[in-house]
Amino acid sequence: MFAMTMPQRPWRWAANAAVAVTAAALLTSIVQNPNIDHAAILRYQFAPAILSGLVTTLTLAAISGAIGLALGIMLALMRLSPDVLLRGASGFYTWAFRGTPLLVQILFWGNLALLFKRLGLYIPFTNIALFSFGTNALITPFIASILALGLNEAAYISEIVRAGISAIDRGQIDAARSLGMTNGLLMRLVVLPQALAVSIPSFVNQFTNLLKATSLVSVIAGGDLLTEAENIASANLHTIELLLVASFWFLAITSLSTVAQHVAERRLAVYLPAARGR
């Protein structure tokens, strides 16, 4: 006689079935929905305006990410400095930029002309300007977007770098100092390479968040992917279709950033003690 055996983990089969049913229902609701113009999705997927917005989104993310990384490393080093003023300035910066919504910061930079009509270099305590520019001419929506995204990103990157530096084995620092390394050389050759390597997953996650956060600059007409999609939708009323187009491109670029994460992790693994010991 053959006895029927129950699966050892029936909950796993139930979970798989639930996921499959949910995915099928979601796909069906989009593919077979009569309220969605599928031809419009295909027509605008590679429209020049959409591709232009995609390039702007990638440019915003790249420049803001570079600003955030450079400034974030500096802020992390300031936070770990024995100087009270430097620690306080870094802590205040991080507190202020992490504690206020990114959307508010974008709106602030986009409306900076309401606070300062002109920006320039003035002789202290006088109204004499060595040079000045109209704020609206200098701080365009694109520049305002970079300032908001980059400065906000720096606050988060600084905490990631600080955590990475704190994770370095103290014995390595003591050994490097026993060899006569200066603090600058120690930080450049020993501490930062390892701290950045162990922080790669966090960096990529933060960059992925930055890519998605670029959509917020649409509130100041930053020329990004979502802005272009909204502009097209306002003309032809294909709102859902254009949102799906934008979502496709966001999914594509965030997926590529995940691939880049794996490549970077393998390249930088040589800096980790565990990797060198194998």
Protein backbone atom coordinates (compact mmCIF):
# COMPACT_ATOMS: atom_id res chain seq x y z
CA MET A 1 0.00 0.00 0.00
CA PHE A 2 1.13 3.48 -0.76
CA ALA A 3 0.46 6.16 1.79
CA MET A 4 -0.12 9.71 0.65
CA THR A 5 2.28 12.16 2.26
CA MET A 6 1.41 15.78 2.86
CA PRO A 7 3.90 18.47 1.89
CA GLN A 8 6.29 19.30 4.71
CA ARG A 9 5.59 23.00 4.29
CA PRO A 10 2.02 23.47 3.05
CA TRP A 11 2.19 27.19 3.84
CA ARG A 12 4.86 27.56 1.14
CA TRP A 13 2.55 26.08 -1.49
CA ALA A 14 -0.26 28.34 -0.30
CA ALA A 15 2.00 31.39 -0.47
CA ASN A 16 3.17 30.50 -3.99
CA ALA A 17 -0.42 30.03 -5.10
CA ALA A 18 -1.44 33.39 -3.59
CA VAL A 19 1.45 35.17 -5.31
CA ALA A 20 0.68 33.55 -8.66
CA VAL A 21 -3.02 34.41 -8.44
CA THR A 22 -2.29 38.01 -7.41
CA ALA A 23 0.24 38.47 -10.23
CA ALA A 24 -2.17 37.00 -12.78
CA ALA A 25 -5.00 39.22 -11.56
CA LEU A 26 -2.80 42.33 -11.70
CA LEU A 27 -1.56 41.52 -15.20
CA THR A 28 -5.07 40.78 -16.41
CA SER A 29 -6.41 44.02 -14.92
CA ILE A 30 -3.91 45.96 -17.05
CA VAL A 31 -3.81 43.90 -20.24
CA GLN A 32 -7.57 43.35 -20.54
CA ASN A 33 -8.77 46.62 -19.04
CA PRO A 34 -10.92 48.42 -21.64
CA ASN A 35 -10.22 51.77 -19.96
CA ILE A 36 -6.54 51.58 -20.88
CA ASP A 37 -5.43 52.55 -24.37
CA HIS A 38 -2.63 50.02 -24.91
CA ALA A 39 -1.77 51.49 -28.29
CA ALA A 40 -1.09 54.83 -26.60
CA ILE A 41 1.33 53.15 -24.18
CA LEU A 42 3.30 51.69 -27.07
CA ARG A 43 3.11 54.94 -29.01
CA TYR A 44 4.54 57.09 -26.21
CA GLN A 45 7.00 54.60 -24.76
CA PHE A 46 9.79 55.93 -26.97
CA ALA A 47 8.35 59.36 -27.75
CA PRO A 48 11.04 62.06 -28.06
CA ALA A 49 9.62 64.03 -25.12
CA ILE A 50 9.64 60.92 -22.90
CA LEU A 51 13.20 60.04 -23.89
CA SER A 52 14.25 63.64 -23.26
CA GLY A 53 12.68 63.46 -19.80
CA LEU A 54 14.45 60.16 -19.17
CA VAL A 55 17.82 61.72 -20.03
CA THR A 56 17.05 64.63 -17.69
CA THR A 57 16.10 62.21 -14.91
CA LEU A 58 19.35 60.28 -15.32
CA THR A 59 21.33 63.53 -15.46
CA LEU A 60 19.66 64.82 -12.31
CA ALA A 61 20.34 61.55 -10.50
CA ALA A 62 23.98 61.37 -11.64
CA ILE A 63 24.89 64.97 -10.77
CA SER A 64 22.92 64.96 -7.51
CA GLY A 65 24.41 61.60 -6.57
CA ALA A 66 27.94 62.87 -7.17
CA ILE A 67 27.26 65.99 -5.11
CA GLY A 68 25.68 63.89 -2.37
CA LEU A 69 28.60 61.45 -2.27
CA ALA A 70 31.33 64.10 -2.16
CA LEU A 71 29.54 66.29 0.36
CA GLY A 72 28.35 63.27 2.34
CA ILE A 73 31.91 61.96 2.81
CA MET A 74 33.03 65.41 3.96
CA LEU A 75 30.12 65.64 6.41
CA ALA A 76 30.88 62.16 7.77
CA LEU A 77 34.51 63.10 8.39
CA MET A 78 33.37 66.31 10.07
CA ARG A 79 30.99 64.34 12.28
CA LEU A 80 33.87 62.10 13.42
CA SER A 81 36.23 65.04 13.96
CA PRO A 82 37.38 65.90 17.51
CA ASP A 83 36.56 69.55 16.72
CA VAL A 84 33.28 70.47 18.43
CA LEU A 85 32.35 73.12 15.84
CA LEU A 86 32.82 70.74 12.90
CA ARG A 87 30.82 67.99 14.64
CA GLY A 88 28.06 70.44 15.47
CA ALA A 89 27.86 71.84 11.93
CA SER A 90 27.69 68.36 10.42
CA GLY A 91 25.09 67.22 12.95
CA PHE A 92 22.94 70.30 12.32
CA TYR A 93 23.13 69.83 8.54
CA THR A 94 22.09 66.19 8.78
CA TRP A 95 19.31 67.00 11.24
CA ALA A 96 17.92 69.81 9.08
CA PHE A 97 17.98 68.04 5.71
CA ARG A 98 16.79 64.66 6.97
CA GLY A 99 14.14 66.23 9.17
CA THR A 100 12.33 68.19 6.46
CA PRO A 101 10.49 66.62 3.50
CA LEU A 102 12.38 66.55 0.21
CA LEU A 103 9.32 68.00 -1.52
CA VAL A 104 9.50 71.07 0.75
CA GLN A 105 13.19 71.49 -0.06
CA ILE A 106 12.48 71.28 -3.79
CA LEU A 107 9.76 73.92 -3.49
CA PHE A 108 12.10 76.12 -1.42
CA TRP A 109 14.85 76.10 -4.04
CA GLY A 110 12.32 76.48 -6.84
CA ASN A 111 10.91 79.60 -5.19
CA LEU A 112 14.18 81.08 -3.93
CA ALA A 113 13.51 84.29 -5.88
CA LEU A 114 10.72 85.07 -3.42
CA LEU A 115 13.37 85.30 -0.70
CA PHE A 116 16.28 86.79 -2.68
CA LYS A 117 15.64 88.80 -5.83
CA ARG A 118 19.32 88.72 -6.76
CA LEU A 119 22.27 86.52 -5.82
CA GLY A 120 25.89 87.63 -5.90
CA LEU A 121 28.96 88.66 -3.97
CA TYR A 122 28.47 91.76 -1.84
CA ILE A 123 30.88 93.77 0.29
CA PRO A 124 29.96 92.91 3.91
CA PHE A 125 27.60 95.34 5.65
CA THR A 126 26.99 97.28 2.43
CA ASN A 127 24.74 97.09 -0.59
CA ILE A 128 27.70 97.25 -2.95
CA ALA A 129 27.80 94.19 -5.20
CA LEU A 130 30.97 93.00 -6.85
CA PHE A 131 28.71 90.98 -9.12
CA SER A 132 25.14 89.76 -8.95
CA PHE A 133 22.59 87.87 -11.01
CA GLY A 134 18.84 87.65 -11.04
CA THR A 135 17.82 84.66 -8.94
CA ASN A 136 15.38 83.29 -11.48
CA ALA A 137 18.02 83.52 -14.21
CA LEU A 138 20.63 81.78 -12.05
CA ILE A 139 18.49 79.20 -10.24
CA THR A 140 16.58 77.60 -13.09
CA PRO A 141 14.22 74.68 -12.36
CA PHE A 142 17.00 72.28 -13.39
CA ILE A 143 19.56 73.92 -11.06
CA ALA A 144 16.99 74.09 -8.26
CA SER A 145 16.33 70.38 -8.72
CA ILE A 146 20.03 69.53 -8.51
CA LEU A 147 20.51 71.67 -5.40
CA ALA A 148 17.52 70.13 -3.63
CA LEU A 149 18.34 66.54 -4.56
CA GLY A 150 22.11 66.81 -4.06
CA LEU A 151 22.02 68.58 -0.70
CA ASN A 152 19.35 66.23 0.60
CA GLU A 153 21.26 63.19 -0.63
CA ALA A 154 24.40 64.35 1.20
CA ALA A 155 22.64 64.15 4.55
CA TYR A 156 21.80 60.47 4.03
CA ILE A 157 25.15 59.57 2.47
CA SER A 158 26.98 61.09 5.44
CA GLU A 159 25.22 58.71 7.81
CA ILE A 160 25.97 55.74 5.57
CA VAL A 161 29.66 56.65 5.37
CA ARG A 162 29.86 57.33 9.11
CA ALA A 163 28.37 53.92 9.85
CA GLY A 164 30.83 52.31 7.42
CA ILE A 165 33.80 54.03 9.06
CA SER A 166 32.59 53.02 12.51
CA ALA A 167 32.44 49.39 11.36
CA ILE A 168 36.18 49.25 10.56
CA ASP A 169 38.18 47.09 12.96
CA ARG A 170 39.98 49.32 15.43
CA GLY A 171 42.99 47.02 15.27
CA GLN A 172 43.64 48.00 11.65
CA ILE A 173 43.69 51.67 12.60
CA ASP A 174 46.10 51.05 15.48
CA ALA A 175 48.34 48.93 13.25
CA ALA A 176 48.44 51.62 10.56
CA ARG A 177 49.32 54.29 13.10
CA SER A 178 52.07 52.09 14.51
CA LEU A 179 53.61 52.14 11.02
CA GLY A 180 53.76 55.91 11.15
CA MET A 181 50.76 56.71 8.93
CA THR A 182 49.35 60.20 9.29
CA ASN A 183 45.63 60.61 9.90
CA GLY A 184 45.08 61.73 6.32
CA LEU A 185 46.97 58.79 4.86
CA LEU A 186 45.24 56.40 7.25
CA MET A 187 41.84 57.65 6.20
CA ARG A 188 42.67 57.59 2.47
CA LEU A 189 44.40 54.19 2.27
CA VAL A 190 42.90 52.14 5.07
CA VAL A 191 39.62 53.43 6.41
CA LEU A 192 37.71 54.99 3.49
CA PRO A 193 38.27 52.17 0.93
CA GLN A 194 36.89 49.59 3.35
CA ALA A 195 34.10 51.85 4.60
CA LEU A 196 32.95 52.60 1.05
CA ALA A 197 33.17 48.93 0.08
CA VAL A 198 31.00 47.70 2.94
CA SER A 199 28.55 50.53 2.24
CA ILE A 200 27.99 49.68 -1.44
CA PRO A 201 24.57 48.04 -0.88
CA SER A 202 23.44 51.06 1.12
CA PHE A 203 24.80 53.43 -1.53
CA VAL A 204 22.93 51.64 -4.31
CA ASN A 205 19.71 51.55 -2.27
CA GLN A 206 20.06 55.27 -1.65
CA PHE A 207 20.79 55.94 -5.33
CA THR A 208 17.70 53.92 -6.26
CA ASN A 209 15.68 56.12 -3.91
CA LEU A 210 17.29 59.16 -5.54
CA LEU A 211 16.27 57.97 -9.00
CA LYS A 212 12.67 57.70 -7.85
CA ALA A 213 12.86 60.98 -5.93
CA THR A 214 13.67 62.83 -9.15
CA SER A 215 9.97 62.53 -9.97
CA LEU A 216 9.26 65.07 -7.21
CA VAL A 217 10.89 67.85 -9.21
CA SER A 218 7.84 67.78 -11.47
CA VAL A 219 6.27 70.22 -8.98
CA ILE A 220 8.67 72.91 -10.25
CA ALA A 221 8.62 71.70 -13.88
CA GLY A 222 12.11 70.24 -13.64
CA GLY A 223 11.94 68.68 -17.10
CA ASP A 224 12.26 65.15 -15.71
CA LEU A 225 10.55 61.99 -16.93
CA LEU A 226 7.38 62.50 -14.90
CA THR A 227 7.16 66.16 -15.92
CA GLU A 228 7.25 65.22 -19.60
CA ALA A 229 4.70 62.44 -19.06
CA GLU A 230 2.37 64.85 -17.28
CA ASN A 231 2.78 67.43 -20.05
CA ILE A 232 1.76 64.89 -22.68
CA ALA A 233 -1.11 63.61 -20.54
CA SER A 234 -2.45 67.11 -20.01
CA ALA A 235 -2.74 67.48 -23.80
CA ASN A 236 -4.25 64.12 -24.72
CA LEU A 237 -5.82 63.05 -21.37
CA HIS A 238 -4.07 59.67 -21.44
CA THR A 239 -3.16 60.04 -17.76
CA ILE A 240 -2.97 56.38 -16.77
CA GLU A 241 -1.20 55.38 -19.96
CA LEU A 242 1.53 58.01 -19.48
CA LEU A 243 1.94 57.03 -15.83
CA LEU A 244 2.49 53.44 -16.95
CA VAL A 245 5.06 54.65 -19.49
CA ALA A 246 6.94 56.55 -16.77
CA SER A 247 6.68 53.57 -14.42
CA PHE A 248 8.21 51.27 -17.03
CA TRP A 249 11.25 53.50 -17.41
CA PHE A 250 11.68 53.90 -13.67
CA LEU A 251 11.57 50.12 -13.26
CA ALA A 252 14.13 49.73 -16.04
CA ILE A 253 16.68 52.16 -14.61
CA THR A 254 16.31 50.97 -11.02
CA SER A 255 16.81 47.39 -12.21
CA LEU A 256 20.03 48.46 -13.95
CA SER A 257 21.22 50.09 -10.72
CA THR A 258 20.75 46.75 -8.96
CA VAL A 259 22.95 45.05 -11.56
CA ALA A 260 25.55 47.78 -11.04
CA GLN A 261 25.42 47.03 -7.32
CA HIS A 262 26.48 43.41 -7.84
CA VAL A 263 29.32 44.45 -10.16
CA ALA A 264 30.57 47.08 -7.71
CA GLU A 265 30.41 44.66 -4.80
CA ARG A 266 32.62 42.18 -6.64
CA ARG A 267 35.11 44.87 -7.68
CA LEU A 268 35.41 46.39 -4.21
CA ALA A 269 35.39 43.10 -2.31
CA VAL A 270 39.22 43.06 -2.43
CA TYR A 271 39.23 45.90 0.08
CA LEU A 272 37.39 43.85 2.68
CA PRO A 273 39.38 41.89 5.27
CA ALA A 274 37.26 38.77 4.75
CA ALA A 275 37.96 38.79 1.02
CA ARG A 276 41.70 39.26 1.45
CA GLY A 277 41.81 36.35 3.86
CA ARG A 278 40.38 33.87 1.38
